[in-house]
């Protein structure tokens, strides 16, 4: 905003009424909903592939990668990460883009992962 003489003016903070915060008007900060990144089992990928993928995409140790690969193999799926929707979708997409397992002759592509909302 400009004054009539063309110079810029700044609002005087003393002229603004102060808002009082009362307990009844204070709100708790809202938490973003959480989502799980779930890796699904298949017969086209080796433990080595899963471990390397988890190390590269999630920064897991070899031992943690092995534990998750074992869980996927035994239970048919494993929760890899719980995070915000945007981050979960990014990680799912990175899994889908990781590429095929070169050790398995019939492997056509990457593993399958989904994003599911965490029940509150």
PDB file of N, CA and C in Angstrom:
ATOM      1  N   UNK A   1       0.834  -1.171   0.000  1.00  0.00           N
ATOM      2  CA  UNK A   1       0.000   0.000   0.000  1.00  0.00           C
ATOM      3  C   UNK A   1       0.879   1.234   0.000  1.00  0.00           C
ATOM      4  N   UNK A   2       0.503   2.262  -0.771  1.00  0.00           N
ATOM      5  CA  UNK A   2       1.297   3.478  -0.869  1.00  0.00           C
ATOM      6  C   UNK A   2       0.550   4.660  -0.263  1.00  0.00           C
ATOM      7  N   UNK A   3       1.324   5.605   0.317  1.00  0.00           N
ATOM      8  CA  UNK A   3       0.751   6.871   0.772  1.00  0.00           C
ATOM      9  C   UNK A   3       0.529   7.753  -0.443  1.00  0.00           C
ATOM     10  N   UNK A   4      -0.127   8.874  -0.253  1.00  0.00           N
ATOM     11  CA  UNK A   4      -0.401   9.790  -1.352  1.00  0.00           C
ATOM     12  C   UNK A   4       0.879  10.339  -1.976  1.00  0.00           C
ATOM     13  N   UNK A   5       1.932  10.461  -1.182  1.00  0.00           N
ATOM     14  CA  UNK A   5       3.174  10.997  -1.731  1.00  0.00           C
ATOM     15  C   UNK A   5       4.008   9.938  -2.463  1.00  0.00           C
ATOM     16  N   UNK A   6       3.493   8.687  -2.545  1.00  0.00           N
ATOM     17  CA  UNK A   6       4.186   7.655  -3.303  1.00  0.00           C
ATOM     18  C   UNK A   6       5.119   6.789  -2.480  1.00  0.00           C
ATOM     19  N   UNK A   7       5.336   7.113  -1.217  1.00  0.00           N
ATOM     20  CA  UNK A   7       6.217   6.274  -0.406  1.00  0.00           C
ATOM     21  C   UNK A   7       5.422   5.125   0.205  1.00  0.00           C
ATOM     22  N   UNK A   8       6.087   4.040   0.433  1.00  0.00           N
ATOM     23  CA  UNK A   8       5.427   2.864   1.006  1.00  0.00           C
ATOM     24  C   UNK A   8       5.128   3.108   2.474  1.00  0.00           C
ATOM     25  N   UNK A   9       4.012   2.590   2.917  1.00  0.00           N
ATOM     26  CA  UNK A   9       3.676   2.713   4.329  1.00  0.00           C
ATOM     27  C   UNK A   9       3.563   1.320   4.939  1.00  0.00           C
ATOM     28  N   UNK A  10       3.823   1.256   6.205  1.00  0.00           N
ATOM     29  CA  UNK A  10       3.753   0.004   6.943  1.00  0.00           C
ATOM     30  C   UNK A  10       2.678   0.169   8.006  1.00  0.00           C
ATOM     31  N   UNK A  11       1.837  -0.835   8.154  1.00  0.00           N
ATOM     32  CA  UNK A  11       0.780  -0.765   9.160  1.00  0.00           C
ATOM     33  C   UNK A  11       1.394  -0.666  10.544  1.00  0.00           C
ATOM     34  N   UNK A  12       0.817   0.147  11.358  1.00  0.00           N
ATOM     35  CA  UNK A  12       1.289   0.333  12.719  1.00  0.00           C
ATOM     36  C   UNK A  12       0.755  -0.806  13.581  1.00  0.00           C
ATOM     37  N   UNK A  13       1.642  -1.638  14.127  1.00  0.00           N
ATOM     38  CA  UNK A  13       1.175  -2.778  14.904  1.00  0.00           C
ATOM     39  C   UNK A  13       0.408  -2.362  16.161  1.00  0.00           C
ATOM     40  N   UNK A  14       0.606  -1.157  16.629  1.00  0.00           N
ATOM     41  CA  UNK A  14      -0.101  -0.691  17.818  1.00  0.00           C
ATOM     42  C   UNK A  14      -1.580  -0.471  17.534  1.00  0.00           C
ATOM     43  N   UNK A  15      -1.948  -0.295  16.276  1.00  0.00           N
ATOM     44  CA  UNK A  15      -3.343  -0.038  15.938  1.00  0.00           C
ATOM     45  C   UNK A  15      -4.159  -1.320  15.786  1.00  0.00           C
ATOM     46  N   UNK A  16      -3.500  -2.446  15.689  1.00  0.00           N
ATOM     47  CA  UNK A  16      -4.214  -3.710  15.554  1.00  0.00           C
ATOM     48  C   UNK A  16      -4.693  -4.193  16.916  1.00  0.00           C
ATOM     49  N   UNK A  17      -5.934  -4.667  16.987  1.00  0.00           N
ATOM     50  CA  UNK A  17      -6.388  -5.237  18.257  1.00  0.00           C
ATOM     51  C   UNK A  17      -5.703  -6.587  18.479  1.00  0.00           C
ATOM     52  N   UNK A  18      -5.341  -6.877  19.685  1.00  0.00           N
ATOM     53  CA  UNK A  18      -4.712  -8.143  20.009  1.00  0.00           C
ATOM     54  C   UNK A  18      -5.782  -9.198  20.235  1.00  0.00           C
ATOM     55  N   UNK A  19      -5.534 -10.364  19.694  1.00  0.00           N
ATOM     56  CA  UNK A  19      -6.443 -11.479  19.939  1.00  0.00           C
ATOM     57  C   UNK A  19      -5.966 -12.224  21.166  1.00  0.00           C
ATOM     58  N   UNK A  20      -6.875 -12.469  22.038  1.00  0.00           N
ATOM     59  CA  UNK A  20      -6.529 -13.246  23.224  1.00  0.00           C
ATOM     60  C   UNK A  20      -6.841 -14.700  22.958  1.00  0.00           C
ATOM     61  N   UNK A  21      -5.923 -15.528  23.306  1.00  0.00           N
ATOM     62  CA  UNK A  21      -6.154 -16.961  23.174  1.00  0.00           C
ATOM     63  C   UNK A  21      -6.736 -17.452  24.481  1.00  0.00           C
ATOM     64  N   UNK A  22      -7.856 -18.062  24.388  1.00  0.00           N
ATOM     65  CA  UNK A  22      -8.453 -18.668  25.566  1.00  0.00           C
ATOM     66  C   UNK A  22      -8.419 -20.168  25.401  1.00  0.00           C
ATOM     67  N   UNK A  23      -8.561 -20.854  26.500  1.00  0.00           N
ATOM     68  CA  UNK A  23      -8.495 -22.310  26.449  1.00  0.00           C
ATOM     69  C   UNK A  23      -9.547 -22.891  25.523  1.00  0.00           C
ATOM     70  N   UNK A  24     -10.722 -22.280  25.499  1.00  0.00           N
ATOM     71  CA  UNK A  24     -11.791 -22.831  24.669  1.00  0.00           C
ATOM     72  C   UNK A  24     -11.544 -22.631  23.180  1.00  0.00           C
ATOM     73  N   UNK A  25     -10.697 -21.683  22.807  1.00  0.00           N
ATOM     74  CA  UNK A  25     -10.418 -21.431  21.405  1.00  0.00           C
ATOM     75  C   UNK A  25      -9.137 -22.094  20.913  1.00  0.00           C
ATOM     76  N   UNK A  26      -8.334 -22.604  21.829  1.00  0.00           N
ATOM     77  CA  UNK A  26      -7.099 -23.256  21.410  1.00  0.00           C
ATOM     78  C   UNK A  26      -7.415 -24.635  20.873  1.00  0.00           C
ATOM     79  N   UNK A  27      -6.797 -24.950  19.762  1.00  0.00           N
ATOM     80  CA  UNK A  27      -6.992 -26.255  19.149  1.00  0.00           C
ATOM     81  C   UNK A  27      -5.688 -27.015  19.157  1.00  0.00           C
ATOM     82  N   UNK A  28      -5.814 -28.311  19.307  1.00  0.00           N
ATOM     83  CA  UNK A  28      -4.641 -29.174  19.207  1.00  0.00           C
ATOM     84  C   UNK A  28      -4.182 -29.185  17.749  1.00  0.00           C
ATOM     85  N   UNK A  29      -2.892 -29.216  17.526  1.00  0.00           N
ATOM     86  CA  UNK A  29      -2.429 -29.330  16.137  1.00  0.00           C
ATOM     87  C   UNK A  29      -2.955 -30.630  15.542  1.00  0.00           C
ATOM     88  N   UNK A  30      -3.386 -30.566  14.297  1.00  0.00           N
ATOM     89  CA  UNK A  30      -3.929 -31.750  13.642  1.00  0.00           C
ATOM     90  C   UNK A  30      -2.784 -32.577  13.075  1.00  0.00           C
ATOM     91  N   UNK A  31      -2.843 -33.871  13.337  1.00  0.00           N
ATOM     92  CA  UNK A  31      -1.852 -34.787  12.779  1.00  0.00           C
ATOM     93  C   UNK A  31      -2.327 -35.267  11.430  1.00  0.00           C
ATOM     94  N   UNK A  32      -1.396 -35.409  10.513  1.00  0.00           N
ATOM     95  CA  UNK A  32      -1.741 -35.945   9.205  1.00  0.00           C
ATOM     96  C   UNK A  32      -2.073 -37.423   9.362  1.00  0.00           C
ATOM     97  N   UNK A  33      -3.038 -37.911   8.595  1.00  0.00           N
ATOM     98  CA  UNK A  33      -3.332 -39.349   8.649  1.00  0.00           C
ATOM     99  C   UNK A  33      -2.103 -40.150   8.248  1.00  0.00           C
ATOM    100  N   UNK A  34      -1.989 -41.359   8.773  1.00  0.00           N
ATOM    101  CA  UNK A  34      -0.835 -42.208   8.505  1.00  0.00           C
ATOM    102  C   UNK A  34      -1.224 -43.330   7.535  1.00  0.00           C
ATOM    103  N   UNK A  35      -0.239 -43.754   6.755  1.00  0.00           N
ATOM    104  CA  UNK A  35      -0.454 -44.789   5.742  1.00  0.00           C
ATOM    105  C   UNK A  35       0.689 -45.800   5.792  1.00  0.00           C
ATOM    106  N   UNK A  36       0.341 -47.067   5.579  1.00  0.00           N
ATOM    107  CA  UNK A  36       1.336 -48.132   5.522  1.00  0.00           C
ATOM    108  C   UNK A  36       1.727 -48.398   4.076  1.00  0.00           C
ATOM    109  N   UNK A  37       3.011 -48.627   3.866  1.00  0.00           N
ATOM    110  CA  UNK A  37       3.504 -49.133   2.584  1.00  0.00           C
ATOM    111  C   UNK A  37       3.649 -50.632   2.779  1.00  0.00           C
ATOM    112  N   UNK A  38       2.885 -51.401   2.003  1.00  0.00           N
ATOM    113  CA  UNK A  38       2.854 -52.850   2.159  1.00  0.00           C
ATOM    114  C   UNK A  38       3.472 -53.518   0.937  1.00  0.00           C
ATOM    115  N   UNK A  39       4.431 -54.403   1.184  1.00  0.00           N
ATOM    116  CA  UNK A  39       5.073 -55.183   0.125  1.00  0.00           C
ATOM    117  C   UNK A  39       4.431 -56.561   0.101  1.00  0.00           C
ATOM    118  N   UNK A  40       4.041 -57.003  -1.099  1.00  0.00           N
ATOM    119  CA  UNK A  40       3.334 -58.274  -1.278  1.00  0.00           C
ATOM    120  C   UNK A  40       4.273 -59.336  -1.840  1.00  0.00           C
ATOM    121  N   UNK A  41       4.066 -60.562  -1.411  1.00  0.00           N
ATOM    122  CA  UNK A  41       4.893 -61.694  -1.837  1.00  0.00           C
ATOM    123  C   UNK A  41       4.554 -62.129  -3.263  1.00  0.00           C
ATOM    124  N   UNK A  42       5.546 -62.662  -3.924  1.00  0.00           N
ATOM    125  CA  UNK A  42       5.353 -63.321  -5.212  1.00  0.00           C
ATOM    126  C   UNK A  42       6.450 -64.373  -5.370  1.00  0.00           C
ATOM    127  N   UNK A  43       6.369 -65.139  -6.427  1.00  0.00           N
ATOM    128  CA  UNK A  43       7.359 -66.199  -6.652  1.00  0.00           C
ATOM    129  C   UNK A  43       8.453 -65.779  -7.632  1.00  0.00           C
ATOM    130  N   UNK A  44       8.467 -64.513  -8.034  1.00  0.00           N
ATOM    131  CA  UNK A  44       9.392 -64.054  -9.069  1.00  0.00           C
ATOM    132  C   UNK A  44      10.584 -63.258  -8.546  1.00  0.00           C
ATOM    133  N   UNK A  45      10.746 -63.167  -7.224  1.00  0.00           N
ATOM    134  CA  UNK A  45      11.838 -62.355  -6.684  1.00  0.00           C
ATOM    135  C   UNK A  45      12.549 -63.105  -5.558  1.00  0.00           C
ATOM    136  N   UNK A  46      13.868 -62.991  -5.548  1.00  0.00           N
ATOM    137  CA  UNK A  46      14.694 -63.663  -4.549  1.00  0.00           C
ATOM    138  C   UNK A  46      14.833 -62.814  -3.288  1.00  0.00           C
ATOM    139  N   UNK A  47      15.266 -63.467  -2.222  1.00  0.00           N
ATOM    140  CA  UNK A  47      15.564 -62.738  -0.987  1.00  0.00           C
ATOM    141  C   UNK A  47      16.611 -61.652  -1.266  1.00  0.00           C
ATOM    142  N   UNK A  48      17.611 -61.995  -2.062  1.00  0.00           N
ATOM    143  CA  UNK A  48      18.688 -61.039  -2.361  1.00  0.00           C
ATOM    144  C   UNK A  48      18.114 -59.780  -3.009  1.00  0.00           C
ATOM    145  N   UNK A  49      17.192 -59.949  -3.956  1.00  0.00           N
ATOM    146  CA  UNK A  49      16.558 -58.810  -4.622  1.00  0.00           C
ATOM    147  C   UNK A  49      15.835 -57.938  -3.602  1.00  0.00           C
ATOM    148  N   UNK A  50      15.020 -58.564  -2.744  1.00  0.00           N
ATOM    149  CA  UNK A  50      14.235 -57.824  -1.757  1.00  0.00           C
ATOM    150  C   UNK A  50      15.159 -57.076  -0.798  1.00  0.00           C
ATOM    151  N   UNK A  51      16.192 -57.746  -0.333  1.00  0.00           N
ATOM    152  CA  UNK A  51      17.118 -57.122   0.618  1.00  0.00           C
ATOM    153  C   UNK A  51      17.807 -55.912  -0.008  1.00  0.00           C
ATOM    154  N   UNK A  52      18.310 -56.060  -1.203  1.00  0.00           N
ATOM    155  CA  UNK A  52      18.985 -54.940  -1.885  1.00  0.00           C
ATOM    156  C   UNK A  52      18.004 -53.794  -2.119  1.00  0.00           C
ATOM    157  N   UNK A  53      16.792 -54.113  -2.558  1.00  0.00           N
ATOM    158  CA  UNK A  53      15.790 -53.077  -2.796  1.00  0.00           C
ATOM    159  C   UNK A  53      15.490 -52.301  -1.514  1.00  0.00           C
ATOM    160  N   UNK A  54      15.301 -53.008  -0.413  1.00  0.00           N
ATOM    161  CA  UNK A  54      14.985 -52.349   0.856  1.00  0.00           C
ATOM    162  C   UNK A  54      16.155 -51.524   1.376  1.00  0.00           C
ATOM    163  N   UNK A  55      17.364 -51.995   1.141  1.00  0.00           N
ATOM    164  CA  UNK A  55      18.543 -51.225   1.550  1.00  0.00           C
ATOM    165  C   UNK A  55      18.640 -49.925   0.742  1.00  0.00           C
ATOM    166  N   UNK A  56      18.422 -50.030  -0.573  1.00  0.00           N
ATOM    167  CA  UNK A  56      18.570 -48.854  -1.437  1.00  0.00           C
ATOM    168  C   UNK A  56      17.417 -47.865  -1.290  1.00  0.00           C
ATOM    169  N   UNK A  57      16.188 -48.366  -1.226  1.00  0.00           N
ATOM    170  CA  UNK A  57      15.032 -47.460  -1.211  1.00  0.00           C
ATOM    171  C   UNK A  57      14.664 -46.949   0.175  1.00  0.00           C
ATOM    172  N   UNK A  58      14.925 -47.762   1.202  1.00  0.00           N
ATOM    173  CA  UNK A  58      14.486 -47.399   2.549  1.00  0.00           C
ATOM    174  C   UNK A  58      15.638 -47.154   3.514  1.00  0.00           C
ATOM    175  N   UNK A  59      16.847 -47.482   3.084  1.00  0.00           N
ATOM    176  CA  UNK A  59      18.003 -47.288   3.954  1.00  0.00           C
ATOM    177  C   UNK A  59      18.103 -48.315   5.066  1.00  0.00           C
ATOM    178  N   UNK A  60      17.407 -49.455   4.917  1.00  0.00           N
ATOM    179  CA  UNK A  60      17.464 -50.503   5.928  1.00  0.00           C
ATOM    180  C   UNK A  60      18.808 -51.210   5.883  1.00  0.00           C
ATOM    181  N   UNK A  61      19.178 -51.777   7.018  1.00  0.00           N
ATOM    182  CA  UNK A  61      20.384 -52.595   7.072  1.00  0.00           C
ATOM    183  C   UNK A  61      20.106 -53.923   6.374  1.00  0.00           C
ATOM    184  N   UNK A  62      21.157 -54.647   6.080  1.00  0.00           N
ATOM    185  CA  UNK A  62      21.012 -55.970   5.463  1.00  0.00           C
ATOM    186  C   UNK A  62      20.173 -56.883   6.381  1.00  0.00           C
ATOM    187  N   UNK A  63      20.425 -56.801   7.670  1.00  0.00           N
ATOM    188  CA  UNK A  63      19.693 -57.639   8.627  1.00  0.00           C
ATOM    189  C   UNK A  63      18.203 -57.299   8.631  1.00  0.00           C
ATOM    190  N   UNK A  64      17.869 -56.007   8.643  1.00  0.00           N
ATOM    191  CA  UNK A  64      16.455 -55.603   8.625  1.00  0.00           C
ATOM    192  C   UNK A  64      15.816 -55.988   7.293  1.00  0.00           C
ATOM    193  N   UNK A  65      16.548 -55.844   6.214  1.00  0.00           N
ATOM    194  CA  UNK A  65      16.046 -56.262   4.901  1.00  0.00           C
ATOM    195  C   UNK A  65      15.730 -57.746   4.874  1.00  0.00           C
ATOM    196  N   UNK A  66      16.602 -58.550   5.489  1.00  0.00           N
ATOM    197  CA  UNK A  66      16.375 -59.993   5.547  1.00  0.00           C
ATOM    198  C   UNK A  66      15.132 -60.301   6.372  1.00  0.00           C
ATOM    199  N   UNK A  67      14.975 -59.623   7.512  1.00  0.00           N
ATOM    200  CA  UNK A  67      13.800 -59.852   8.365  1.00  0.00           C
ATOM    201  C   UNK A  67      12.508 -59.553   7.607  1.00  0.00           C
ATOM    202  N   UNK A  68      12.488 -58.455   6.874  1.00  0.00           N
ATOM    203  CA  UNK A  68      11.288 -58.097   6.110  1.00  0.00           C
ATOM    204  C   UNK A  68      11.056 -59.054   4.943  1.00  0.00           C
ATOM    205  N   UNK A  69      12.121 -59.473   4.270  1.00  0.00           N
ATOM    206  CA  UNK A  69      11.983 -60.446   3.182  1.00  0.00           C
ATOM    207  C   UNK A  69      11.414 -61.748   3.717  1.00  0.00           C
ATOM    208  N   UNK A  70      11.872 -62.157   4.875  1.00  0.00           N
ATOM    209  CA  UNK A  70      11.375 -63.374   5.512  1.00  0.00           C
ATOM    210  C   UNK A  70       9.885 -63.234   5.874  1.00  0.00           C
ATOM    211  N   UNK A  71       9.519 -62.078   6.380  1.00  0.00           N
ATOM    212  CA  UNK A  71       8.111 -61.834   6.732  1.00  0.00           C
ATOM    213  C   UNK A  71       7.219 -61.867   5.485  1.00  0.00           C
ATOM    214  N   UNK A  72       7.669 -61.245   4.402  1.00  0.00           N
ATOM    215  CA  UNK A  72       6.910 -61.265   3.146  1.00  0.00           C
ATOM    216  C   UNK A  72       6.740 -62.705   2.683  1.00  0.00           C
ATOM    217  N   UNK A  73       7.805 -63.500   2.780  1.00  0.00           N
ATOM    218  CA  UNK A  73       7.771 -64.891   2.340  1.00  0.00           C
ATOM    219  C   UNK A  73       6.814 -65.729   3.197  1.00  0.00           C
ATOM    220  N   UNK A  74       6.875 -65.546   4.514  1.00  0.00           N
ATOM    221  CA  UNK A  74       6.055 -66.347   5.422  1.00  0.00           C
ATOM    222  C   UNK A  74       4.600 -65.889   5.469  1.00  0.00           C
ATOM    223  N   UNK A  75       4.377 -64.585   5.598  1.00  0.00           N
ATOM    224  CA  UNK A  75       3.026 -64.059   5.815  1.00  0.00           C
ATOM    225  C   UNK A  75       2.336 -63.594   4.530  1.00  0.00           C
ATOM    226  N   UNK A  76       3.089 -63.480   3.451  1.00  0.00           N
ATOM    227  CA  UNK A  76       2.512 -63.023   2.195  1.00  0.00           C
ATOM    228  C   UNK A  76       2.583 -61.518   2.000  1.00  0.00           C
ATOM    229  N   UNK A  77       2.931 -60.804   3.067  1.00  0.00           N
ATOM    230  CA  UNK A  77       3.079 -59.349   2.975  1.00  0.00           C
ATOM    231  C   UNK A  77       3.828 -58.845   4.195  1.00  0.00           C
ATOM    232  N   UNK A  78       4.312 -57.598   4.087  1.00  0.00           N
ATOM    233  CA  UNK A  78       4.988 -56.957   5.214  1.00  0.00           C
ATOM    234  C   UNK A  78       4.792 -55.454   5.111  1.00  0.00           C
ATOM    235  N   UNK A  79       4.582 -54.826   6.254  1.00  0.00           N
ATOM    236  CA  UNK A  79       4.527 -53.364   6.299  1.00  0.00           C
ATOM    237  C   UNK A  79       5.967 -52.864   6.334  1.00  0.00           C
ATOM    238  N   UNK A  80       6.323 -52.085   5.327  1.00  0.00           N
ATOM    239  CA  UNK A  80       7.691 -51.586   5.221  1.00  0.00           C
ATOM    240  C   UNK A  80       7.888 -50.261   5.927  1.00  0.00           C
ATOM    241  N   UNK A  81       6.826 -49.440   5.959  1.00  0.00           N
ATOM    242  CA  UNK A  81       6.950 -48.081   6.469  1.00  0.00           C
ATOM    243  C   UNK A  81       5.567 -47.539   6.769  1.00  0.00           C
ATOM    244  N   UNK A  82       5.436 -46.743   7.805  1.00  0.00           N
ATOM    245  CA  UNK A  82       4.209 -46.017   8.109  1.00  0.00           C
ATOM    246  C   UNK A  82       4.557 -44.537   8.084  1.00  0.00           C
ATOM    247  N   UNK A  83       3.842 -43.780   7.246  1.00  0.00           N
ATOM    248  CA  UNK A  83       4.217 -42.390   7.003  1.00  0.00           C
ATOM    249  C   UNK A  83       3.023 -41.608   6.459  1.00  0.00           C
ATOM    250  N   UNK A  84       3.275 -40.414   5.962  1.00  0.00           N
ATOM    251  CA  UNK A  84       2.218 -39.606   5.347  1.00  0.00           C
ATOM    252  C   UNK A  84       1.849 -40.185   3.984  1.00  0.00           C
ATOM    253  N   UNK A  85       0.695 -39.794   3.464  1.00  0.00           N
ATOM    254  CA  UNK A  85       0.228 -40.331   2.188  1.00  0.00           C
ATOM    255  C   UNK A  85       1.212 -40.041   1.058  1.00  0.00           C
ATOM    256  N   UNK A  86       1.667 -38.810   0.968  1.00  0.00           N
ATOM    257  CA  UNK A  86       2.579 -38.431  -0.119  1.00  0.00           C
ATOM    258  C   UNK A  86       3.869 -39.245  -0.089  1.00  0.00           C
ATOM    259  N   UNK A  87       4.436 -39.420   1.095  1.00  0.00           N
ATOM    260  CA  UNK A  87       5.677 -40.186   1.231  1.00  0.00           C
ATOM    261  C   UNK A  87       5.428 -41.665   0.947  1.00  0.00           C
ATOM    262  N   UNK A  88       4.301 -42.200   1.421  1.00  0.00           N
ATOM    263  CA  UNK A  88       3.952 -43.606   1.171  1.00  0.00           C
ATOM    264  C   UNK A  88       3.794 -43.862  -0.322  1.00  0.00           C
ATOM    265  N   UNK A  89       3.123 -42.957  -1.020  1.00  0.00           N
ATOM    266  CA  UNK A  89       2.946 -43.119  -2.467  1.00  0.00           C
ATOM    267  C   UNK A  89       4.278 -43.065  -3.203  1.00  0.00           C
ATOM    268  N   UNK A  90       5.168 -42.202  -2.763  1.00  0.00           N
ATOM    269  CA  UNK A  90       6.508 -42.123  -3.355  1.00  0.00           C
ATOM    270  C   UNK A  90       7.237 -43.460  -3.190  1.00  0.00           C
ATOM    271  N   UNK A  91       7.218 -44.018  -1.990  1.00  0.00           N
ATOM    272  CA  UNK A  91       7.921 -45.275  -1.733  1.00  0.00           C
ATOM    273  C   UNK A  91       7.298 -46.423  -2.523  1.00  0.00           C
ATOM    274  N   UNK A  92       5.962 -46.465  -2.609  1.00  0.00           N
ATOM    275  CA  UNK A  92       5.296 -47.486  -3.430  1.00  0.00           C
ATOM    276  C   UNK A  92       5.750 -47.374  -4.880  1.00  0.00           C
ATOM    277  N   UNK A  93       5.766 -46.160  -5.401  1.00  0.00           N
ATOM    278  CA  UNK A  93       6.164 -45.941  -6.792  1.00  0.00           C
ATOM    279  C   UNK A  93       7.632 -46.320  -7.026  1.00  0.00           C
ATOM    280  N   UNK A  94       8.480 -46.075  -6.046  1.00  0.00           N
ATOM    281  CA  UNK A  94       9.890 -46.463  -6.168  1.00  0.00           C
ATOM    282  C   UNK A  94      10.035 -47.982  -6.214  1.00  0.00           C
ATOM    283  N   UNK A  95       9.219 -48.685  -5.434  1.00  0.00           N
ATOM    284  CA  UNK A  95       9.241 -50.159  -5.472  1.00  0.00           C
ATOM    285  C   UNK A  95       8.809 -50.631  -6.855  1.00  0.00           C
ATOM    286  N   UNK A  96       7.737 -50.039  -7.384  1.00  0.00           N
ATOM    287  CA  UNK A  96       7.231 -50.438  -8.702  1.00  0.00           C
ATOM    288  C   UNK A  96       8.230 -50.141  -9.818  1.00  0.00           C
ATOM    289  N   UNK A  97       9.082 -49.172  -9.612  1.00  0.00           N
ATOM    290  CA  UNK A  97      10.054 -48.785 -10.640  1.00  0.00           C
ATOM    291  C   UNK A  97      11.432 -49.435 -10.446  1.00  0.00           C
ATOM    292  N   UNK A  98      11.580 -50.251  -9.420  1.00  0.00           N
ATOM    293  CA  UNK A  98      12.904 -50.785  -9.088  1.00  0.00           C
ATOM    294  C   UNK A  98      13.463 -51.724 -10.158  1.00  0.00           C
ATOM    295  N   UNK A  99      12.598 -52.367 -10.902  1.00  0.00           N
ATOM    296  CA  UNK A  99      13.077 -53.234 -11.977  1.00  0.00           C
ATOM    297  C   UNK A  99      12.973 -54.706 -11.629  1.00  0.00           C
ATOM    298  N   UNK A 100      13.293 -55.512 -12.599  1.00  0.00           N
ATOM    299  CA  UNK A 100      13.129 -56.957 -12.429  1.00  0.00           C
ATOM    300  C   UNK A 100      14.300 -57.568 -11.681  1.00  0.00           C
ATOM    301  N   UNK A 101      14.060 -58.767 -11.172  1.00  0.00           N
ATOM    302  CA  UNK A 101      15.090 -59.539 -10.483  1.00  0.00           C
ATOM    303  C   UNK A 101      15.880 -60.291 -11.550  1.00  0.00           C
ATOM    304  N   UNK A 102      17.119 -59.915 -11.773  1.00  0.00           N
ATOM    305  CA  UNK A 102      17.933 -60.504 -12.846  1.00  0.00           C
ATOM    306  C   UNK A 102      18.369 -61.936 -12.542  1.00  0.00           C
ATOM    307  N   UNK A 103      18.217 -62.373 -11.294  1.00  0.00           N
ATOM    308  CA  UNK A 103      18.597 -63.742 -10.927  1.00  0.00           C
ATOM    309  C   UNK A 103      17.534 -64.746 -11.377  1.00  0.00           C
ATOM    310  N   UNK A 104      16.268 -64.303 -11.432  1.00  0.00           N
ATOM    311  CA  UNK A 104      15.158 -65.189 -11.789  1.00  0.00           C
ATOM    312  C   UNK A 104      14.870 -65.043 -13.280  1.00  0.00           C
ATOM    313  N   UNK A 105      14.976 -66.165 -14.008  1.00  0.00           N
ATOM    314  CA  UNK A 105      14.792 -66.138 -15.463  1.00  0.00           C
ATOM    315  C   UNK A 105      13.430 -65.598 -15.893  1.00  0.00           C
ATOM    316  N   UNK A 106      12.358 -66.005 -15.249  1.00  0.00           N
ATOM    317  CA  UNK A 106      11.025 -65.599 -15.685  1.00  0.00           C
ATOM    318  C   UNK A 106      10.514 -64.313 -15.066  1.00  0.00           C
ATOM    319  N   UNK A 107      11.350 -63.593 -14.363  1.00  0.00           N
ATOM    320  CA  UNK A 107      10.901 -62.370 -13.694  1.00  0.00           C
ATOM    321  C   UNK A 107      10.585 -61.296 -14.725  1.00  0.00           C
ATOM    322  N   UNK A 108       9.359 -60.811 -14.661  1.00  0.00           N
ATOM    323  CA  UNK A 108       8.913 -59.832 -15.659  1.00  0.00           C
ATOM    324  C   UNK A 108       9.087 -58.386 -15.209  1.00  0.00           C
ATOM    325  N   UNK A 109       9.222 -58.149 -13.913  1.00  0.00           N
ATOM    326  CA  UNK A 109       9.334 -56.765 -13.460  1.00  0.00           C
ATOM    327  C   UNK A 109       9.486 -56.663 -11.953  1.00  0.00           C
ATOM    328  N   UNK A 110       9.152 -55.514 -11.444  1.00  0.00           N
ATOM    329  CA  UNK A 110       9.324 -55.201 -10.025  1.00  0.00           C
ATOM    330  C   UNK A 110       8.314 -55.927  -9.153  1.00  0.00           C
ATOM    331  N   UNK A 111       8.514 -55.805  -7.862  1.00  0.00           N
ATOM    332  CA  UNK A 111       7.567 -56.364  -6.900  1.00  0.00           C
ATOM    333  C   UNK A 111       6.351 -55.446  -6.811  1.00  0.00           C
ATOM    334  N   UNK A 112       5.311 -55.920  -6.136  1.00  0.00           N
ATOM    335  CA  UNK A 112       4.072 -55.172  -5.999  1.00  0.00           C
ATOM    336  C   UNK A 112       3.958 -54.646  -4.569  1.00  0.00           C
ATOM    337  N   UNK A 113       3.583 -53.374  -4.454  1.00  0.00           N
ATOM    338  CA  UNK A 113       3.369 -52.750  -3.149  1.00  0.00           C
ATOM    339  C   UNK A 113       2.103 -51.929  -3.214  1.00  0.00           C
ATOM    340  N   UNK A 114       1.458 -51.763  -2.066  1.00  0.00           N
ATOM    341  CA  UNK A 114       0.264 -50.945  -1.973  1.00  0.00           C
ATOM    342  C   UNK A 114       0.396 -49.975  -0.812  1.00  0.00           C
ATOM    343  N   UNK A 115      -0.489 -48.980  -0.812  1.00  0.00           N
ATOM    344  CA  UNK A 115      -0.570 -48.010   0.270  1.00  0.00           C
ATOM    345  C   UNK A 115      -1.949 -48.171   0.901  1.00  0.00           C
ATOM    346  N   UNK A 116      -1.975 -48.347   2.219  1.00  0.00           N
ATOM    347  CA  UNK A 116      -3.232 -48.509   2.933  1.00  0.00           C
ATOM    348  C   UNK A 116      -3.260 -47.601   4.147  1.00  0.00           C
ATOM    349  N   UNK A 117      -4.419 -47.010   4.387  1.00  0.00           N
ATOM    350  CA  UNK A 117      -4.599 -46.121   5.534  1.00  0.00           C
ATOM    351  C   UNK A 117      -4.474 -46.912   6.833  1.00  0.00           C
ATOM    352  N   UNK A 118      -3.866 -46.306   7.834  1.00  0.00           N
ATOM    353  CA  UNK A 118      -3.758 -46.913   9.149  1.00  0.00           C
ATOM    354  C   UNK A 118      -5.048 -46.622   9.893  1.00  0.00           C
ATOM    355  N   UNK A 119      -5.618 -47.648  10.491  1.00  0.00           N
ATOM    356  CA  UNK A 119      -6.824 -47.444  11.288  1.00  0.00           C
ATOM    357  C   UNK A 119      -6.486 -46.636  12.527  1.00  0.00           C
ATOM    358  N   UNK A 120      -7.304 -45.650  12.797  1.00  0.00           N
ATOM    359  CA  UNK A 120      -7.041 -44.773  13.955  1.00  0.00           C
ATOM    360  C   UNK A 120      -7.368 -45.431  15.256  1.00  0.00           C
TER     361      UNK A 120
END
